[in-house]
Amino acid sequence: MRSEVLLIIIGMAFVTYLTRIGALALFRFTGVPTWLNRWLKYVPVAILTSLIVPSLLLPKGYLDISLNNHYLIAGIAAAFVAYKSRNIIATLGLGMSIMLVLKLL
């Protein structure tokens, strides 16, 4: 292994360790403030949204808001089922079924 690659891996591990130990040391005695805890609850939703929305709206590399965008149609249907049922199996099943039907048609 080249020494540059090893140094990069060690550096990344060190930076990751510092950020984690920094937060642990900062909130060790006081605990996480309520406002920060409330704010952090939205981080997973924001990250997941930023990953999903571009693949629904930009499936071919450009904005496609039409009935020919199968990803968008299946995504909207799956989002509706997820909102109404709160059931991950139903959401995934419906979304994949709609994609299969639209791809076969």
PDB file of N, CA and C in Angstrom:
ATOM      1  N   MET A   1       0.853  -1.169   0.000  1.00  0.00           N
ATOM      2  CA  MET A   1       0.000   0.000   0.000  1.00  0.00           C
ATOM      3  C   MET A   1       0.902   1.237   0.000  1.00  0.00           C
ATOM      4  N   ARG A   2       0.497   2.225  -0.770  1.00  0.00           N
ATOM      5  CA  ARG A   2       1.283   3.451  -0.827  1.00  0.00           C
ATOM      6  C   ARG A   2       1.153   4.216   0.479  1.00  0.00           C
ATOM      7  N   SER A   3       2.202   4.917   0.836  1.00  0.00           N
ATOM      8  CA  SER A   3       2.214   5.629   2.113  1.00  0.00           C
ATOM      9  C   SER A   3       1.211   6.777   2.137  1.00  0.00           C
ATOM     10  N   GLU A   4       0.916   7.383   0.974  1.00  0.00           N
ATOM     11  CA  GLU A   4      -0.064   8.481   0.948  1.00  0.00           C
ATOM     12  C   GLU A   4      -1.456   7.979   1.324  1.00  0.00           C
ATOM     13  N   VAL A   5      -1.805   6.812   0.812  1.00  0.00           N
ATOM     14  CA  VAL A   5      -3.119   6.241   1.109  1.00  0.00           C
ATOM     15  C   VAL A   5      -3.231   5.918   2.592  1.00  0.00           C
ATOM     16  N   LEU A   6      -2.185   5.353   3.154  1.00  0.00           N
ATOM     17  CA  LEU A   6      -2.183   5.036   4.578  1.00  0.00           C
ATOM     18  C   LEU A   6      -2.301   6.306   5.418  1.00  0.00           C
ATOM     19  N   LEU A   7      -1.603   7.359   5.036  1.00  0.00           N
ATOM     20  CA  LEU A   7      -1.689   8.624   5.767  1.00  0.00           C
ATOM     21  C   LEU A   7      -3.082   9.245   5.662  1.00  0.00           C
ATOM     22  N   ILE A   8      -3.707   9.124   4.511  1.00  0.00           N
ATOM     23  CA  ILE A   8      -5.068   9.638   4.350  1.00  0.00           C
ATOM     24  C   ILE A   8      -6.032   8.873   5.254  1.00  0.00           C
ATOM     25  N   ILE A   9      -5.915   7.565   5.295  1.00  0.00           N
ATOM     26  CA  ILE A   9      -6.792   6.752   6.148  1.00  0.00           C
ATOM     27  C   ILE A   9      -6.585   7.097   7.616  1.00  0.00           C
ATOM     28  N   ILE A  10      -5.342   7.234   8.025  1.00  0.00           N
ATOM     29  CA  ILE A  10      -5.056   7.595   9.425  1.00  0.00           C
ATOM     30  C   ILE A  10      -5.586   8.991   9.732  1.00  0.00           C
ATOM     31  N   GLY A  11      -5.417   9.914   8.807  1.00  0.00           N
ATOM     32  CA  GLY A  11      -5.920  11.278   9.007  1.00  0.00           C
ATOM     33  C   GLY A  11      -7.430  11.324   9.116  1.00  0.00           C
ATOM     34  N   MET A  12      -8.117  10.571   8.264  1.00  0.00           N
ATOM     35  CA  MET A  12      -9.579  10.534   8.323  1.00  0.00           C
ATOM     36  C   MET A  12     -10.056   9.908   9.628  1.00  0.00           C
ATOM     37  N   ALA A  13      -9.388   8.870  10.074  1.00  0.00           N
ATOM     38  CA  ALA A  13      -9.751   8.245  11.346  1.00  0.00           C
ATOM     39  C   ALA A  13      -9.541   9.220  12.501  1.00  0.00           C
ATOM     40  N   PHE A  14      -8.465   9.967  12.453  1.00  0.00           N
ATOM     41  CA  PHE A  14      -8.162  10.943  13.506  1.00  0.00           C
ATOM     42  C   PHE A  14      -9.205  12.056  13.544  1.00  0.00           C
ATOM     43  N   VAL A  15      -9.580  12.574  12.387  1.00  0.00           N
ATOM     44  CA  VAL A  15     -10.592  13.636  12.329  1.00  0.00           C
ATOM     45  C   VAL A  15     -11.940  13.116  12.818  1.00  0.00           C
ATOM     46  N   THR A  16     -12.308  11.906  12.423  1.00  0.00           N
ATOM     47  CA  THR A  16     -13.565  11.316  12.889  1.00  0.00           C
ATOM     48  C   THR A  16     -13.549  11.141  14.403  1.00  0.00           C
ATOM     49  N   TYR A  17     -12.446  10.670  14.922  1.00  0.00           N
ATOM     50  CA  TYR A  17     -12.305  10.494  16.368  1.00  0.00           C
ATOM     51  C   TYR A  17     -12.427  11.837  17.090  1.00  0.00           C
ATOM     52  N   LEU A  18     -11.773  12.869  16.565  1.00  0.00           N
ATOM     53  CA  LEU A  18     -11.819  14.187  17.208  1.00  0.00           C
ATOM     54  C   LEU A  18     -13.235  14.756  17.264  1.00  0.00           C
ATOM     55  N   THR A  19     -13.983  14.611  16.178  1.00  0.00           N
ATOM     56  CA  THR A  19     -15.347  15.147  16.192  1.00  0.00           C
ATOM     57  C   THR A  19     -16.234  14.405  17.182  1.00  0.00           C
ATOM     58  N   ARG A  20     -16.059  13.120  17.281  1.00  0.00           N
ATOM     59  CA  ARG A  20     -16.886  12.354  18.223  1.00  0.00           C
ATOM     60  C   ARG A  20     -16.485  12.599  19.673  1.00  0.00           C
ATOM     61  N   ILE A  21     -15.208  12.622  19.933  1.00  0.00           N
ATOM     62  CA  ILE A  21     -14.760  12.838  21.310  1.00  0.00           C
ATOM     63  C   ILE A  21     -15.028  14.282  21.728  1.00  0.00           C
ATOM     64  N   GLY A  22     -15.007  15.196  20.755  1.00  0.00           N
ATOM     65  CA  GLY A  22     -15.305  16.598  21.063  1.00  0.00           C
ATOM     66  C   GLY A  22     -16.736  16.775  21.548  1.00  0.00           C
ATOM     67  N   ALA A  23     -17.685  16.166  20.857  1.00  0.00           N
ATOM     68  CA  ALA A  23     -19.080  16.251  21.279  1.00  0.00           C
ATOM     69  C   ALA A  23     -19.289  15.547  22.616  1.00  0.00           C
ATOM     70  N   LEU A  24     -18.637  14.426  22.791  1.00  0.00           N
ATOM     71  CA  LEU A  24     -18.760  13.696  24.054  1.00  0.00           C
ATOM     72  C   LEU A  24     -18.214  14.518  25.217  1.00  0.00           C
ATOM     73  N   ALA A  25     -17.061  15.139  25.020  1.00  0.00           N
ATOM     74  CA  ALA A  25     -16.463  15.950  26.085  1.00  0.00           C
ATOM     75  C   ALA A  25     -17.289  17.194  26.361  1.00  0.00           C
ATOM     76  N   LEU A  26     -17.857  17.788  25.316  1.00  0.00           N
ATOM     77  CA  LEU A  26     -18.636  19.010  25.479  1.00  0.00           C
ATOM     78  C   LEU A  26     -19.911  18.772  26.287  1.00  0.00           C
ATOM     79  N   PHE A  27     -20.595  17.668  26.009  1.00  0.00           N
ATOM     80  CA  PHE A  27     -21.880  17.403  26.667  1.00  0.00           C
ATOM     81  C   PHE A  27     -21.792  16.355  27.769  1.00  0.00           C
ATOM     82  N   ARG A  28     -20.590  16.039  28.227  1.00  0.00           N
ATOM     83  CA  ARG A  28     -20.402  14.982  29.210  1.00  0.00           C
ATOM     84  C   ARG A  28     -21.113  15.271  30.524  1.00  0.00           C
ATOM     85  N   PHE A  29     -20.973  16.461  31.019  1.00  0.00           N
ATOM     86  CA  PHE A  29     -21.543  16.788  32.335  1.00  0.00           C
ATOM     87  C   PHE A  29     -22.898  17.477  32.237  1.00  0.00           C
ATOM     88  N   THR A  30     -23.117  18.238  31.171  1.00  0.00           N
ATOM     89  CA  THR A  30     -24.357  19.011  31.074  1.00  0.00           C
ATOM     90  C   THR A  30     -25.448  18.291  30.311  1.00  0.00           C
ATOM     91  N   GLY A  31     -25.077  17.370  29.452  1.00  0.00           N
ATOM     92  CA  GLY A  31     -26.059  16.706  28.595  1.00  0.00           C
ATOM     93  C   GLY A  31     -26.334  17.559  27.371  1.00  0.00           C
ATOM     94  N   VAL A  32     -27.008  16.969  26.425  1.00  0.00           N
ATOM     95  CA  VAL A  32     -27.335  17.681  25.194  1.00  0.00           C
ATOM     96  C   VAL A  32     -28.470  18.656  25.489  1.00  0.00           C
ATOM     97  N   PRO A  33     -28.327  19.929  25.091  1.00  0.00           N
ATOM     98  CA  PRO A  33     -29.411  20.888  25.322  1.00  0.00           C
ATOM     99  C   PRO A  33     -30.688  20.472  24.597  1.00  0.00           C
ATOM    100  N   THR A  34     -31.810  20.850  25.139  1.00  0.00           N
ATOM    101  CA  THR A  34     -33.103  20.475  24.580  1.00  0.00           C
ATOM    102  C   THR A  34     -33.260  20.983  23.156  1.00  0.00           C
ATOM    103  N   TRP A  35     -32.859  22.222  22.900  1.00  0.00           N
ATOM    104  CA  TRP A  35     -33.017  22.795  21.567  1.00  0.00           C
ATOM    105  C   TRP A  35     -32.175  22.040  20.538  1.00  0.00           C
ATOM    106  N   LEU A  36     -30.993  21.600  20.932  1.00  0.00           N
ATOM    107  CA  LEU A  36     -30.134  20.852  20.012  1.00  0.00           C
ATOM    108  C   LEU A  36     -30.692  19.456  19.773  1.00  0.00           C
ATOM    109  N   ASN A  37     -31.223  18.856  20.794  1.00  0.00           N
ATOM    110  CA  ASN A  37     -31.823  17.535  20.657  1.00  0.00           C
ATOM    111  C   ASN A  37     -33.018  17.581  19.706  1.00  0.00           C
ATOM    112  N   ARG A  38     -33.854  18.617  19.833  1.00  0.00           N
ATOM    113  CA  ARG A  38     -34.996  18.781  18.923  1.00  0.00           C
ATOM    114  C   ARG A  38     -34.508  18.982  17.495  1.00  0.00           C
ATOM    115  N   TRP A  39     -33.453  19.780  17.327  1.00  0.00           N
ATOM    116  CA  TRP A  39     -32.918  20.073  16.004  1.00  0.00           C
ATOM    117  C   TRP A  39     -32.321  18.819  15.375  1.00  0.00           C
ATOM    118  N   LEU A  40     -31.630  18.021  16.154  1.00  0.00           N
ATOM    119  CA  LEU A  40     -30.972  16.821  15.635  1.00  0.00           C
ATOM    120  C   LEU A  40     -31.966  15.744  15.201  1.00  0.00           C
ATOM    121  N   LYS A  41     -33.207  15.791  15.719  1.00  0.00           N
ATOM    122  CA  LYS A  41     -34.199  14.807  15.317  1.00  0.00           C
ATOM    123  C   LYS A  41     -34.565  14.938  13.850  1.00  0.00           C
ATOM    124  N   TYR A  42     -34.363  16.129  13.254  1.00  0.00           N
ATOM    125  CA  TYR A  42     -34.725  16.353  11.856  1.00  0.00           C
ATOM    126  C   TYR A  42     -33.586  16.047  10.883  1.00  0.00           C
ATOM    127  N   VAL A  43     -32.407  15.783  11.366  1.00  0.00           N
ATOM    128  CA  VAL A  43     -31.260  15.535  10.494  1.00  0.00           C
ATOM    129  C   VAL A  43     -31.462  14.283   9.632  1.00  0.00           C
ATOM    130  N   PRO A  44     -31.887  13.129  10.160  1.00  0.00           N
ATOM    131  CA  PRO A  44     -32.083  11.960   9.286  1.00  0.00           C
ATOM    132  C   PRO A  44     -33.118  12.196   8.196  1.00  0.00           C
ATOM    133  N   VAL A  45     -34.197  12.899   8.525  1.00  0.00           N
ATOM    134  CA  VAL A  45     -35.232  13.192   7.526  1.00  0.00           C
ATOM    135  C   VAL A  45     -34.661  14.082   6.429  1.00  0.00           C
ATOM    136  N   ALA A  46     -33.883  15.087   6.806  1.00  0.00           N
ATOM    137  CA  ALA A  46     -33.289  15.987   5.823  1.00  0.00           C
ATOM    138  C   ALA A  46     -32.304  15.255   4.921  1.00  0.00           C
ATOM    139  N   ILE A  47     -31.505  14.377   5.483  1.00  0.00           N
ATOM    140  CA  ILE A  47     -30.535  13.637   4.670  1.00  0.00           C
ATOM    141  C   ILE A  47     -31.242  12.673   3.729  1.00  0.00           C
ATOM    142  N   LEU A  48     -32.235  11.963   4.232  1.00  0.00           N
ATOM    143  CA  LEU A  48     -32.965  11.027   3.385  1.00  0.00           C
ATOM    144  C   LEU A  48     -33.684  11.765   2.258  1.00  0.00           C
ATOM    145  N   THR A  49     -34.271  12.917   2.559  1.00  0.00           N
ATOM    146  CA  THR A  49     -34.940  13.713   1.537  1.00  0.00           C
ATOM    147  C   THR A  49     -33.957  14.183   0.477  1.00  0.00           C
ATOM    148  N   SER A  50     -32.784  14.617   0.915  1.00  0.00           N
ATOM    149  CA  SER A  50     -31.794  15.089  -0.060  1.00  0.00           C
ATOM    150  C   SER A  50     -31.258  13.954  -0.930  1.00  0.00           C
ATOM    151  N   LEU A  51     -31.382  12.725  -0.495  1.00  0.00           N
ATOM    152  CA  LEU A  51     -30.969  11.593  -1.312  1.00  0.00           C
ATOM    153  C   LEU A  51     -32.071  11.125  -2.262  1.00  0.00           C
ATOM    154  N   ILE A  52     -33.327  11.197  -1.822  1.00  0.00           N
ATOM    155  CA  ILE A  52     -34.435  10.652  -2.599  1.00  0.00           C
ATOM    156  C   ILE A  52     -34.958  11.622  -3.652  1.00  0.00           C
ATOM    157  N   VAL A  53     -35.133  12.877  -3.299  1.00  0.00           N
ATOM    158  CA  VAL A  53     -35.772  13.843  -4.200  1.00  0.00           C
ATOM    159  C   VAL A  53     -35.035  13.986  -5.535  1.00  0.00           C
ATOM    160  N   PRO A  54     -33.706  14.113  -5.567  1.00  0.00           N
ATOM    161  CA  PRO A  54     -33.059  14.205  -6.879  1.00  0.00           C
ATOM    162  C   PRO A  54     -33.281  12.977  -7.768  1.00  0.00           C
ATOM    163  N   SER A  55     -33.332  11.800  -7.170  1.00  0.00           N
ATOM    164  CA  SER A  55     -33.550  10.610  -7.995  1.00  0.00           C
ATOM    165  C   SER A  55     -34.990  10.529  -8.505  1.00  0.00           C
ATOM    166  N   LEU A  56     -35.928  11.172  -7.819  1.00  0.00           N
ATOM    167  CA  LEU A  56     -37.304  11.199  -8.304  1.00  0.00           C
ATOM    168  C   LEU A  56     -37.508  12.265  -9.371  1.00  0.00           C
ATOM    169  N   LEU A  57     -36.898  13.415  -9.185  1.00  0.00           N
ATOM    170  CA  LEU A  57     -37.134  14.536 -10.101  1.00  0.00           C
ATOM    171  C   LEU A  57     -36.147  14.598 -11.260  1.00  0.00           C
ATOM    172  N   LEU A  58     -34.974  14.016 -11.098  1.00  0.00           N
ATOM    173  CA  LEU A  58     -33.929  14.089 -12.124  1.00  0.00           C
ATOM    174  C   LEU A  58     -33.466  12.691 -12.559  1.00  0.00           C
ATOM    175  N   PRO A  59     -34.359  11.806 -12.986  1.00  0.00           N
ATOM    176  CA  PRO A  59     -33.928  10.441 -13.286  1.00  0.00           C
ATOM    177  C   PRO A  59     -33.009  10.332 -14.505  1.00  0.00           C
ATOM    178  N   LYS A  60     -33.113  11.280 -15.429  1.00  0.00           N
ATOM    179  CA  LYS A  60     -32.293  11.234 -16.647  1.00  0.00           C
ATOM    180  C   LYS A  60     -31.257  12.348 -16.678  1.00  0.00           C
ATOM    181  N   GLY A  61     -31.075  13.017 -15.547  1.00  0.00           N
ATOM    182  CA  GLY A  61     -30.094  14.084 -15.486  1.00  0.00           C
ATOM    183  C   GLY A  61     -30.675  15.470 -15.680  1.00  0.00           C
ATOM    184  N   TYR A  62     -31.943  15.552 -16.008  1.00  0.00           N
ATOM    185  CA  TYR A  62     -32.611  16.843 -16.132  1.00  0.00           C
ATOM    186  C   TYR A  62     -33.980  16.743 -15.467  1.00  0.00           C
ATOM    187  N   LEU A  63     -34.556  17.899 -15.155  1.00  0.00           N
ATOM    188  CA  LEU A  63     -35.831  17.933 -14.438  1.00  0.00           C
ATOM    189  C   LEU A  63     -36.925  17.326 -15.306  1.00  0.00           C
ATOM    190  N   ASP A  64     -37.584  16.321 -14.780  1.00  0.00           N
ATOM    191  CA  ASP A  64     -38.640  15.620 -15.507  1.00  0.00           C
ATOM    192  C   ASP A  64     -39.857  15.490 -14.606  1.00  0.00           C
ATOM    193  N   ILE A  65     -40.784  16.435 -14.773  1.00  0.00           N
ATOM    194  CA  ILE A  65     -42.041  16.389 -14.021  1.00  0.00           C
ATOM    195  C   ILE A  65     -43.144  16.102 -15.032  1.00  0.00           C
ATOM    196  N   SER A  66     -43.243  14.845 -15.418  1.00  0.00           N
ATOM    197  CA  SER A  66     -44.246  14.443 -16.392  1.00  0.00           C
ATOM    198  C   SER A  66     -44.760  13.052 -16.035  1.00  0.00           C
ATOM    199  N   LEU A  67     -45.762  12.622 -16.791  1.00  0.00           N
ATOM    200  CA  LEU A  67     -46.305  11.290 -16.562  1.00  0.00           C
ATOM    201  C   LEU A  67     -45.389  10.206 -17.100  1.00  0.00           C
ATOM    202  N   ASN A  68     -44.369  10.573 -17.847  1.00  0.00           N
ATOM    203  CA  ASN A  68     -43.392   9.599 -18.337  1.00  0.00           C
ATOM    204  C   ASN A  68     -42.319   9.291 -17.308  1.00  0.00           C
ATOM    205  N   ASN A  69     -42.280  10.032 -16.217  1.00  0.00           N
ATOM    206  CA  ASN A  69     -41.306   9.809 -15.144  1.00  0.00           C
ATOM    207  C   ASN A  69     -41.879   8.765 -14.180  1.00  0.00           C
ATOM    208  N   HIS A  70     -41.515   7.524 -14.402  1.00  0.00           N
ATOM    209  CA  HIS A  70     -42.050   6.424 -13.592  1.00  0.00           C
ATOM    210  C   HIS A  70     -41.598   6.512 -12.142  1.00  0.00           C
ATOM    211  N   TYR A  71     -40.388   7.013 -11.929  1.00  0.00           N
ATOM    212  CA  TYR A  71     -39.866   7.149 -10.564  1.00  0.00           C
ATOM    213  C   TYR A  71     -40.718   8.126  -9.750  1.00  0.00           C
ATOM    214  N   LEU A  72     -41.103   9.226 -10.380  1.00  0.00           N
ATOM    215  CA  LEU A  72     -41.906  10.226  -9.693  1.00  0.00           C
ATOM    216  C   LEU A  72     -43.296   9.704  -9.362  1.00  0.00           C
ATOM    217  N   ILE A  73     -43.903   9.013 -10.296  1.00  0.00           N
ATOM    218  CA  ILE A  73     -45.242   8.458 -10.064  1.00  0.00           C
ATOM    219  C   ILE A  73     -45.207   7.438  -8.928  1.00  0.00           C
ATOM    220  N   ALA A  74     -44.259   6.519  -8.976  1.00  0.00           N
ATOM    221  CA  ALA A  74     -44.144   5.509  -7.923  1.00  0.00           C
ATOM    222  C   ALA A  74     -43.776   6.159  -6.594  1.00  0.00           C
ATOM    223  N   GLY A  75     -42.941   7.186  -6.617  1.00  0.00           N
ATOM    224  CA  GLY A  75     -42.551   7.884  -5.391  1.00  0.00           C
ATOM    225  C   GLY A  75     -43.711   8.608  -4.736  1.00  0.00           C
ATOM    226  N   ILE A  76     -44.535   9.254  -5.546  1.00  0.00           N
ATOM    227  CA  ILE A  76     -45.703   9.955  -4.998  1.00  0.00           C
ATOM    228  C   ILE A  76     -46.682   8.956  -4.394  1.00  0.00           C
ATOM    229  N   ALA A  77     -46.930   7.860  -5.089  1.00  0.00           N
ATOM    230  CA  ALA A  77     -47.836   6.834  -4.557  1.00  0.00           C
ATOM    231  C   ALA A  77     -47.282   6.227  -3.273  1.00  0.00           C
ATOM    232  N   ALA A  78     -45.987   5.951  -3.254  1.00  0.00           N
ATOM    233  CA  ALA A  78     -45.375   5.380  -2.052  1.00  0.00           C
ATOM    234  C   ALA A  78     -45.404   6.374  -0.898  1.00  0.00           C
ATOM    235  N   ALA A  79     -45.186   7.643  -1.176  1.00  0.00           N
ATOM    236  CA  ALA A  79     -45.236   8.663  -0.119  1.00  0.00           C
ATOM    237  C   ALA A  79     -46.640   8.762   0.458  1.00  0.00           C
ATOM    238  N   PHE A  80     -47.654   8.667  -0.397  1.00  0.00           N
ATOM    239  CA  PHE A  80     -49.038   8.720   0.083  1.00  0.00           C
ATOM    240  C   PHE A  80     -49.347   7.523   0.974  1.00  0.00           C
ATOM    241  N   VAL A  81     -48.929   6.340   0.546  1.00  0.00           N
ATOM    242  CA  VAL A  81     -49.170   5.129   1.353  1.00  0.00           C
ATOM    243  C   VAL A  81     -48.403   5.212   2.670  1.00  0.00           C
ATOM    244  N   ALA A  82     -47.175   5.714   2.622  1.00  0.00           N
ATOM    245  CA  ALA A  82     -46.389   5.845   3.849  1.00  0.00           C
ATOM    246  C   ALA A  82     -47.050   6.814   4.817  1.00  0.00           C
ATOM    247  N   TYR A  83     -47.589   7.904   4.293  1.00  0.00           N
ATOM    248  CA  TYR A  83     -48.247   8.895   5.142  1.00  0.00           C
ATOM    249  C   TYR A  83     -49.522   8.335   5.766  1.00  0.00           C
ATOM    250  N   LYS A  84     -50.285   7.605   4.967  1.00  0.00           N
ATOM    251  CA  LYS A  84     -51.565   7.100   5.468  1.00  0.00           C
ATOM    252  C   LYS A  84     -51.411   5.866   6.362  1.00  0.00           C
ATOM    253  N   SER A  85     -50.550   4.936   5.975  1.00  0.00           N
ATOM    254  CA  SER A  85     -50.507   3.662   6.698  1.00  0.00           C
ATOM    255  C   SER A  85     -49.385   3.568   7.723  1.00  0.00           C
ATOM    256  N   ARG A  86     -48.306   4.326   7.521  1.00  0.00           N
ATOM    257  CA  ARG A  86     -47.116   4.236   8.387  1.00  0.00           C
ATOM    258  C   ARG A  86     -46.567   2.813   8.434  1.00  0.00           C
ATOM    259  N   ASN A  87     -46.723   2.091   7.318  1.00  0.00           N
ATOM    260  CA  ASN A  87     -46.299   0.704   7.218  1.00  0.00           C
ATOM    261  C   ASN A  87     -45.224   0.609   6.136  1.00  0.00           C
ATOM    262  N   ILE A  88     -44.017   0.249   6.512  1.00  0.00           N
ATOM    263  CA  ILE A  88     -42.906   0.209   5.569  1.00  0.00           C
ATOM    264  C   ILE A  88     -43.084  -0.890   4.531  1.00  0.00           C
ATOM    265  N   ILE A  89     -43.661  -2.015   4.925  1.00  0.00           N
ATOM    266  CA  ILE A  89     -43.861  -3.115   3.985  1.00  0.00           C
ATOM    267  C   ILE A  89     -44.866  -2.717   2.910  1.00  0.00           C
ATOM    268  N   ALA A  90     -45.955  -2.081   3.313  1.00  0.00           N
ATOM    269  CA  ALA A  90     -46.952  -1.624   2.340  1.00  0.00           C
ATOM    270  C   ALA A  90     -46.363  -0.560   1.423  1.00  0.00           C
ATOM    271  N   THR A  91     -45.570   0.332   1.972  1.00  0.00           N
ATOM    272  CA  THR A  91     -44.961   1.395   1.178  1.00  0.00           C
ATOM    273  C   THR A  91     -44.009   0.820   0.140  1.00  0.00           C
ATOM    274  N   LEU A  92     -43.108  -0.048   0.574  1.00  0.00           N
ATOM    275  CA  LEU A  92     -42.159  -0.651  -0.359  1.00  0.00           C
ATOM    276  C   LEU A  92     -42.861  -1.539  -1.382  1.00  0.00           C
ATOM    277  N   GLY A  93     -43.819  -2.311  -0.933  1.00  0.00           N
ATOM    278  CA  GLY A  93     -44.547  -3.192  -1.845  1.00  0.00           C
ATOM    279  C   GLY A  93     -45.291  -2.430  -2.920  1.00  0.00           C
ATOM    280  N   LEU A  94     -45.986  -1.376  -2.529  1.00  0.00           N
ATOM    281  CA  LEU A  94     -46.731  -0.593  -3.508  1.00  0.00           C
ATOM    282  C   LEU A  94     -45.780   0.140  -4.457  1.00  0.00           C
ATOM    283  N   GLY A  95     -44.745   0.743  -3.918  1.00  0.00           N
ATOM    284  CA  GLY A  95     -43.800   1.471  -4.758  1.00  0.00           C
ATOM    285  C   GLY A  95     -43.137   0.571  -5.783  1.00  0.00           C
ATOM    286  N   MET A  96     -42.689  -0.589  -5.358  1.00  0.00           N
ATOM    287  CA  MET A  96     -42.050  -1.522  -6.293  1.00  0.00           C
ATOM    288  C   MET A  96     -43.050  -2.098  -7.287  1.00  0.00           C
ATOM    289  N   SER A  97     -44.278  -2.348  -6.834  1.00  0.00           N
ATOM    290  CA  SER A  97     -45.305  -2.872  -7.743  1.00  0.00           C
ATOM    291  C   SER A  97     -45.638  -1.853  -8.823  1.00  0.00           C
ATOM    292  N   ILE A  98     -45.771  -0.604  -8.443  1.00  0.00           N
ATOM    293  CA  ILE A  98     -46.068   0.433  -9.426  1.00  0.00           C
ATOM    294  C   ILE A  98     -44.916   0.575 -10.412  1.00  0.00           C
ATOM    295  N   MET A  99     -43.673   0.533  -9.930  1.00  0.00           N
ATOM    296  CA  MET A  99     -42.525   0.612 -10.829  1.00  0.00           C
ATOM    297  C   MET A  99     -42.520  -0.561 -11.803  1.00  0.00           C
ATOM    298  N   LEU A 100     -42.811  -1.746 -11.325  1.00  0.00           N
ATOM    299  CA  LEU A 100     -42.832  -2.940 -12.182  1.00  0.00           C
ATOM    300  C   LEU A 100     -43.902  -2.798 -13.263  1.00  0.00           C
ATOM    301  N   VAL A 101     -45.102  -2.403 -12.864  1.00  0.00           N
ATOM    302  CA  VAL A 101     -46.194  -2.249 -13.827  1.00  0.00           C
ATOM    303  C   VAL A 101     -45.871  -1.172 -14.851  1.00  0.00           C
ATOM    304  N   LEU A 102     -45.334  -0.040 -14.411  1.00  0.00           N
ATOM    305  CA  LEU A 102     -45.014   1.042 -15.341  1.00  0.00           C
ATOM    306  C   LEU A 102     -43.874   0.665 -16.277  1.00  0.00           C
ATOM    307  N   LYS A 103     -42.901  -0.082 -15.806  1.00  0.00           N
ATOM    308  CA  LYS A 103     -41.800  -0.521 -16.676  1.00  0.00           C
ATOM    309  C   LYS A 103     -42.266  -1.542 -17.706  1.00  0.00           C
ATOM    310  N   LEU A 104     -43.214  -2.384 -17.331  1.00  0.00           N
ATOM    311  CA  LEU A 104     -43.697  -3.407 -18.258  1.00  0.00           C
ATOM    312  C   LEU A 104     -44.652  -2.839 -19.297  1.00  0.00           C
ATOM    313  N   LEU A 105     -45.316  -1.741 -18.985  1.00  0.00           N
ATOM    314  CA  LEU A 105     -46.279  -1.155 -19.936  1.00  0.00           C
ATOM    315  C   LEU A 105     -45.618  -0.408 -21.033  1.00  0.00           C
TER     316      LEU A 105
END
